[in-house]
Amino acid sequence: MRKRSTIWITLSLFVLLSPLFSVAQTVKQKEVIKENDAKIEQYKKWLDQVGSKGLNFWLRLDSGHRPHRLYVGEGFEKAEYNEKERFIEIFSRYLAGVPDKNMLIDIYDAASGKAIGEYGFGGFRLLAFFLTSVPPYIFNKSSHQRFLFSGREREKGLLL
């Protein structure tokens, strides 16, 4: 009899207190969602500034394909490598809709319509033929394409 009453009290407490725990979790989730939405809104404002009406980094996005196709303009071509990488990373997070996740992007030149790079699991890569100056590059034997390396690899002596 005593075991039954103990079990009944335990179950009753669990049923009565479980909504309190779920409410606390819901409040925390709402805060996280608000923070994410604020960050995504910041990304959107910044992307509008560097878009076709601003610095001309990007002109249009073709989301009909997977990965998304991002067509970049003159501003992107003239930017430093680190600025390009930062731009693509922020654009990827904006597309994902969550600041700590990324979306796969293929990068195309808007003038020629040719693929010039990609952003994905391997990070940010630009095809070397896109650049007008002679960049440091490495030949990727598996895909038979040249990829640009950033200054970090150059400093570390990772170029062949």
C-alpha atoms as a PDB file:
ATOM      1  CA  MET A   1       0.000   0.000   0.000  1.00  0.00           C
ATOM      2  CA  ARG A   2       2.818   2.341   0.916  1.00  0.00           C
ATOM      3  CA  LYS A   3       4.547   1.660  -2.434  1.00  0.00           C
ATOM      4  CA  ARG A   4       1.361   2.508  -4.311  1.00  0.00           C
ATOM      5  CA  SER A   5       0.962   5.835  -2.540  1.00  0.00           C
ATOM      6  CA  THR A   6       4.634   6.700  -3.146  1.00  0.00           C
ATOM      7  CA  ILE A   7       4.331   5.891  -6.830  1.00  0.00           C
ATOM      8  CA  TRP A   8       1.055   7.825  -7.075  1.00  0.00           C
ATOM      9  CA  ILE A   9       2.585  10.917  -5.401  1.00  0.00           C
ATOM     10  CA  THR A  10       5.674  10.750  -7.607  1.00  0.00           C
ATOM     11  CA  LEU A  11       3.598  10.509 -10.787  1.00  0.00           C
ATOM     12  CA  SER A  12       1.321  13.318  -9.632  1.00  0.00           C
ATOM     13  CA  LEU A  13       4.275  15.605  -8.935  1.00  0.00           C
ATOM     14  CA  PHE A  14       5.791  14.765 -12.298  1.00  0.00           C
ATOM     15  CA  VAL A  15       2.552  15.556 -14.117  1.00  0.00           C
ATOM     16  CA  LEU A  16       2.037  18.790 -12.188  1.00  0.00           C
ATOM     17  CA  LEU A  17       5.621  20.079 -12.511  1.00  0.00           C
ATOM     18  CA  SER A  18       6.387  19.072 -16.101  1.00  0.00           C
ATOM     19  CA  PRO A  19       4.587  22.100 -17.619  1.00  0.00           C
ATOM     20  CA  LEU A  20       6.816  24.402 -15.548  1.00  0.00           C
ATOM     21  CA  PHE A  21       9.932  22.870 -17.075  1.00  0.00           C
ATOM     22  CA  SER A  22       8.536  23.067 -20.592  1.00  0.00           C
ATOM     23  CA  VAL A  23       7.571  26.735 -20.078  1.00  0.00           C
ATOM     24  CA  ALA A  24      11.131  27.524 -18.975  1.00  0.00           C
ATOM     25  CA  GLN A  25      12.509  25.764 -22.051  1.00  0.00           C
ATOM     26  CA  THR A  26      10.051  27.593 -24.304  1.00  0.00           C
ATOM     27  CA  VAL A  27      11.098  30.974 -22.893  1.00  0.00           C
ATOM     28  CA  LYS A  28      14.761  30.123 -23.458  1.00  0.00           C
ATOM     29  CA  GLN A  29      14.031  28.950 -27.007  1.00  0.00           C
ATOM     30  CA  LYS A  30      12.180  32.186 -27.735  1.00  0.00           C
ATOM     31  CA  GLU A  31      15.193  34.199 -26.549  1.00  0.00           C
ATOM     32  CA  VAL A  32      17.519  32.199 -28.803  1.00  0.00           C
ATOM     33  CA  ILE A  33      15.149  32.683 -31.748  1.00  0.00           C
ATOM     34  CA  LYS A  34      15.033  36.449 -31.115  1.00  0.00           C
ATOM     35  CA  GLU A  35      18.840  36.603 -30.988  1.00  0.00           C
ATOM     36  CA  ASN A  36      19.101  34.617 -34.237  1.00  0.00           C
ATOM     37  CA  ASP A  37      16.522  36.826 -35.935  1.00  0.00           C
ATOM     38  CA  ALA A  38      18.395  39.960 -34.847  1.00  0.00           C
ATOM     39  CA  LYS A  39      21.669  38.577 -36.209  1.00  0.00           C
ATOM     40  CA  ILE A  40      20.048  37.573 -39.515  1.00  0.00           C
ATOM     41  CA  GLU A  41      18.538  41.074 -39.768  1.00  0.00           C
ATOM     42  CA  GLN A  42      22.036  42.543 -39.315  1.00  0.00           C
ATOM     43  CA  TYR A  43      23.301  40.263 -42.083  1.00  0.00           C
ATOM     44  CA  LYS A  44      20.453  41.405 -44.361  1.00  0.00           C
ATOM     45  CA  LYS A  45      21.224  45.098 -43.792  1.00  0.00           C
ATOM     46  CA  TRP A  46      24.916  44.540 -44.485  1.00  0.00           C
ATOM     47  CA  LEU A  47      24.194  42.470 -47.604  1.00  0.00           C
ATOM     48  CA  ASP A  48      21.903  45.223 -48.885  1.00  0.00           C
ATOM     49  CA  GLN A  49      24.766  47.709 -48.457  1.00  0.00           C
ATOM     50  CA  VAL A  50      27.182  45.583 -50.471  1.00  0.00           C
ATOM     51  CA  GLY A  51      24.567  44.475 -53.035  1.00  0.00           C
ATOM     52  CA  SER A  52      23.757  45.869 -56.461  1.00  0.00           C
ATOM     53  CA  LYS A  53      22.668  49.233 -55.025  1.00  0.00           C
ATOM     54  CA  GLY A  54      25.792  49.589 -52.900  1.00  0.00           C
ATOM     55  CA  LEU A  55      29.310  48.257 -53.405  1.00  0.00           C
ATOM     56  CA  ASN A  56      28.147  45.884 -56.153  1.00  0.00           C
ATOM     57  CA  PHE A  57      29.487  42.719 -54.499  1.00  0.00           C
ATOM     58  CA  TRP A  58      26.509  40.639 -55.609  1.00  0.00           C
ATOM     59  CA  LEU A  59      23.872  41.151 -58.268  1.00  0.00           C
ATOM     60  CA  ARG A  60      21.446  38.251 -57.978  1.00  0.00           C
ATOM     61  CA  LEU A  61      20.814  34.890 -56.378  1.00  0.00           C
ATOM     62  CA  ASP A  62      19.473  31.852 -58.190  1.00  0.00           C
ATOM     63  CA  SER A  63      17.933  29.679 -55.505  1.00  0.00           C
ATOM     64  CA  GLY A  64      16.322  27.334 -58.025  1.00  0.00           C
ATOM     65  CA  HIS A  65      19.457  25.187 -57.995  1.00  0.00           C
ATOM     66  CA  ARG A  66      21.191  23.419 -55.150  1.00  0.00           C
ATOM     67  CA  PRO A  67      23.700  24.619 -54.155  1.00  0.00           C
ATOM     68  CA  HIS A  68      22.473  28.198 -54.556  1.00  0.00           C
ATOM     69  CA  ARG A  69      24.057  30.167 -57.393  1.00  0.00           C
ATOM     70  CA  LEU A  70      25.309  33.592 -56.367  1.00  0.00           C
ATOM     71  CA  TYR A  71      26.159  35.987 -59.201  1.00  0.00           C
ATOM     72  CA  VAL A  72      28.808  38.494 -58.129  1.00  0.00           C
ATOM     73  CA  GLY A  73      29.708  41.877 -59.611  1.00  0.00           C
ATOM     74  CA  GLU A  74      32.655  44.242 -59.948  1.00  0.00           C
ATOM     75  CA  GLY A  75      32.854  45.027 -56.242  1.00  0.00           C
ATOM     76  CA  PHE A  76      33.529  41.379 -55.468  1.00  0.00           C
ATOM     77  CA  GLU A  77      36.192  41.160 -58.160  1.00  0.00           C
ATOM     78  CA  LYS A  78      38.042  44.223 -56.836  1.00  0.00           C
ATOM     79  CA  ALA A  79      37.863  43.231 -53.147  1.00  0.00           C
ATOM     80  CA  GLU A  80      40.685  41.651 -51.172  1.00  0.00           C
ATOM     81  CA  TYR A  81      40.570  37.889 -50.636  1.00  0.00           C
ATOM     82  CA  ASN A  82      39.672  38.209 -46.928  1.00  0.00           C
ATOM     83  CA  GLU A  83      36.783  40.554 -47.764  1.00  0.00           C
ATOM     84  CA  LYS A  84      35.501  38.089 -50.356  1.00  0.00           C
ATOM     85  CA  GLU A  85      35.679  35.234 -47.890  1.00  0.00           C
ATOM     86  CA  ARG A  86      33.857  37.241 -45.195  1.00  0.00           C
ATOM     87  CA  PHE A  87      31.162  38.305 -47.664  1.00  0.00           C
ATOM     88  CA  ILE A  88      30.503  34.749 -48.856  1.00  0.00           C
ATOM     89  CA  GLU A  89      30.459  33.400 -45.296  1.00  0.00           C
ATOM     90  CA  ILE A  90      27.911  36.000 -44.176  1.00  0.00           C
ATOM     91  CA  PHE A  91      25.806  35.401 -47.290  1.00  0.00           C
ATOM     92  CA  SER A  92      25.865  31.671 -46.582  1.00  0.00           C
ATOM     93  CA  ARG A  93      24.727  32.175 -42.986  1.00  0.00           C
ATOM     94  CA  TYR A  94      21.992  34.553 -44.146  1.00  0.00           C
ATOM     95  CA  LEU A  95      20.713  31.933 -46.611  1.00  0.00           C
ATOM     96  CA  ALA A  96      20.757  29.253 -43.919  1.00  0.00           C
ATOM     97  CA  GLY A  97      18.635  31.499 -41.680  1.00  0.00           C
ATOM     98  CA  VAL A  98      20.690  30.631 -38.598  1.00  0.00           C
ATOM     99  CA  PRO A  99      23.929  32.414 -37.643  1.00  0.00           C
ATOM    100  CA  ASP A 100      25.836  29.251 -36.730  1.00  0.00           C
ATOM    101  CA  LYS A 101      24.948  27.223 -39.840  1.00  0.00           C
ATOM    102  CA  ASN A 102      26.034  27.629 -43.454  1.00  0.00           C
ATOM    103  CA  MET A 103      24.425  27.093 -46.842  1.00  0.00           C
ATOM    104  CA  LEU A 104      26.306  25.704 -49.839  1.00  0.00           C
ATOM    105  CA  ILE A 105      26.926  28.329 -52.538  1.00  0.00           C
ATOM    106  CA  ASP A 106      28.340  28.201 -56.062  1.00  0.00           C
ATOM    107  CA  ILE A 107      29.799  31.568 -57.073  1.00  0.00           C
ATOM    108  CA  TYR A 108      29.307  32.827 -60.635  1.00  0.00           C
ATOM    109  CA  ASP A 109      30.568  35.887 -62.473  1.00  0.00           C
ATOM    110  CA  ALA A 110      27.521  37.942 -63.464  1.00  0.00           C
ATOM    111  CA  ALA A 111      29.185  39.337 -66.607  1.00  0.00           C
ATOM    112  CA  SER A 112      30.281  36.035 -68.135  1.00  0.00           C
ATOM    113  CA  GLY A 113      27.959  33.588 -66.358  1.00  0.00           C
ATOM    114  CA  LYS A 114      30.901  31.281 -65.600  1.00  0.00           C
ATOM    115  CA  ALA A 115      31.548  29.555 -62.290  1.00  0.00           C
ATOM    116  CA  ILE A 116      34.346  31.307 -60.407  1.00  0.00           C
ATOM    117  CA  GLY A 117      34.255  29.656 -56.998  1.00  0.00           C
ATOM    118  CA  GLU A 118      32.363  27.832 -54.298  1.00  0.00           C
ATOM    119  CA  TYR A 119      31.604  27.842 -50.607  1.00  0.00           C
ATOM    120  CA  GLY A 120      30.856  24.582 -48.875  1.00  0.00           C
ATOM    121  CA  PHE A 121      32.193  21.932 -46.561  1.00  0.00           C
ATOM    122  CA  GLY A 122      35.768  22.579 -47.699  1.00  0.00           C
ATOM    123  CA  GLY A 123      35.441  26.301 -47.020  1.00  0.00           C
ATOM    124  CA  PHE A 124      35.750  29.186 -49.466  1.00  0.00           C
ATOM    125  CA  ARG A 125      37.492  28.579 -52.795  1.00  0.00           C
ATOM    126  CA  LEU A 126      37.986  30.776 -55.818  1.00  0.00           C
ATOM    127  CA  LEU A 127      39.076  29.423 -59.151  1.00  0.00           C
ATOM    128  CA  ALA A 128      42.362  31.111 -60.031  1.00  0.00           C
ATOM    129  CA  PHE A 129      41.440  31.926 -63.639  1.00  0.00           C
ATOM    130  CA  PHE A 130      38.851  34.391 -62.297  1.00  0.00           C
ATOM    131  CA  LEU A 131      41.500  36.712 -60.916  1.00  0.00           C
ATOM    132  CA  THR A 132      43.106  39.292 -63.156  1.00  0.00           C
ATOM    133  CA  SER A 133      46.419  39.453 -61.312  1.00  0.00           C
ATOM    134  CA  VAL A 134      48.758  36.488 -60.978  1.00  0.00           C
ATOM    135  CA  PRO A 135      47.747  34.918 -57.657  1.00  0.00           C
ATOM    136  CA  PRO A 136      49.519  32.300 -55.608  1.00  0.00           C
ATOM    137  CA  TYR A 137      47.846  29.034 -56.504  1.00  0.00           C
ATOM    138  CA  ILE A 138      48.093  25.296 -56.242  1.00  0.00           C
ATOM    139  CA  PHE A 139      47.079  22.797 -58.898  1.00  0.00           C
ATOM    140  CA  ASN A 140      44.415  20.385 -57.688  1.00  0.00           C
ATOM    141  CA  LYS A 141      45.125  17.158 -59.583  1.00  0.00           C
ATOM    142  CA  SER A 142      41.817  15.496 -58.732  1.00  0.00           C
ATOM    143  CA  SER A 143      39.652  18.223 -60.280  1.00  0.00           C
ATOM    144  CA  HIS A 144      42.246  19.713 -62.657  1.00  0.00           C
ATOM    145  CA  GLN A 145      41.520  23.245 -61.509  1.00  0.00           C
ATOM    146  CA  ARG A 146      43.617  25.904 -59.852  1.00  0.00           C
ATOM    147  CA  PHE A 147      42.448  27.222 -56.502  1.00  0.00           C
ATOM    148  CA  LEU A 148      43.494  30.467 -54.905  1.00  0.00           C
ATOM    149  CA  PHE A 149      45.081  30.342 -51.483  1.00  0.00           C
ATOM    150  CA  SER A 150      44.778  33.022 -48.862  1.00  0.00           C
ATOM    151  CA  GLY A 151      47.712  34.796 -47.257  1.00  0.00           C
ATOM    152  CA  ARG A 152      47.694  32.402 -44.279  1.00  0.00           C
ATOM    153  CA  GLU A 153      48.772  29.464 -46.429  1.00  0.00           C
ATOM    154  CA  ARG A 154      51.374  31.632 -48.128  1.00  0.00           C
ATOM    155  CA  GLU A 155      52.813  32.689 -44.748  1.00  0.00           C
ATOM    156  CA  LYS A 156      52.887  29.125 -43.448  1.00  0.00           C
ATOM    157  CA  GLY A 157      54.684  27.941 -46.563  1.00  0.00           C
ATOM    158  CA  LEU A 158      51.902  25.586 -47.616  1.00  0.00           C
ATOM    159  CA  LEU A 159      52.144  26.465 -51.294  1.00  0.00           C
ATOM    160  CA  LEU A 160      53.907  23.932 -53.508  1.00  0.00           C
END
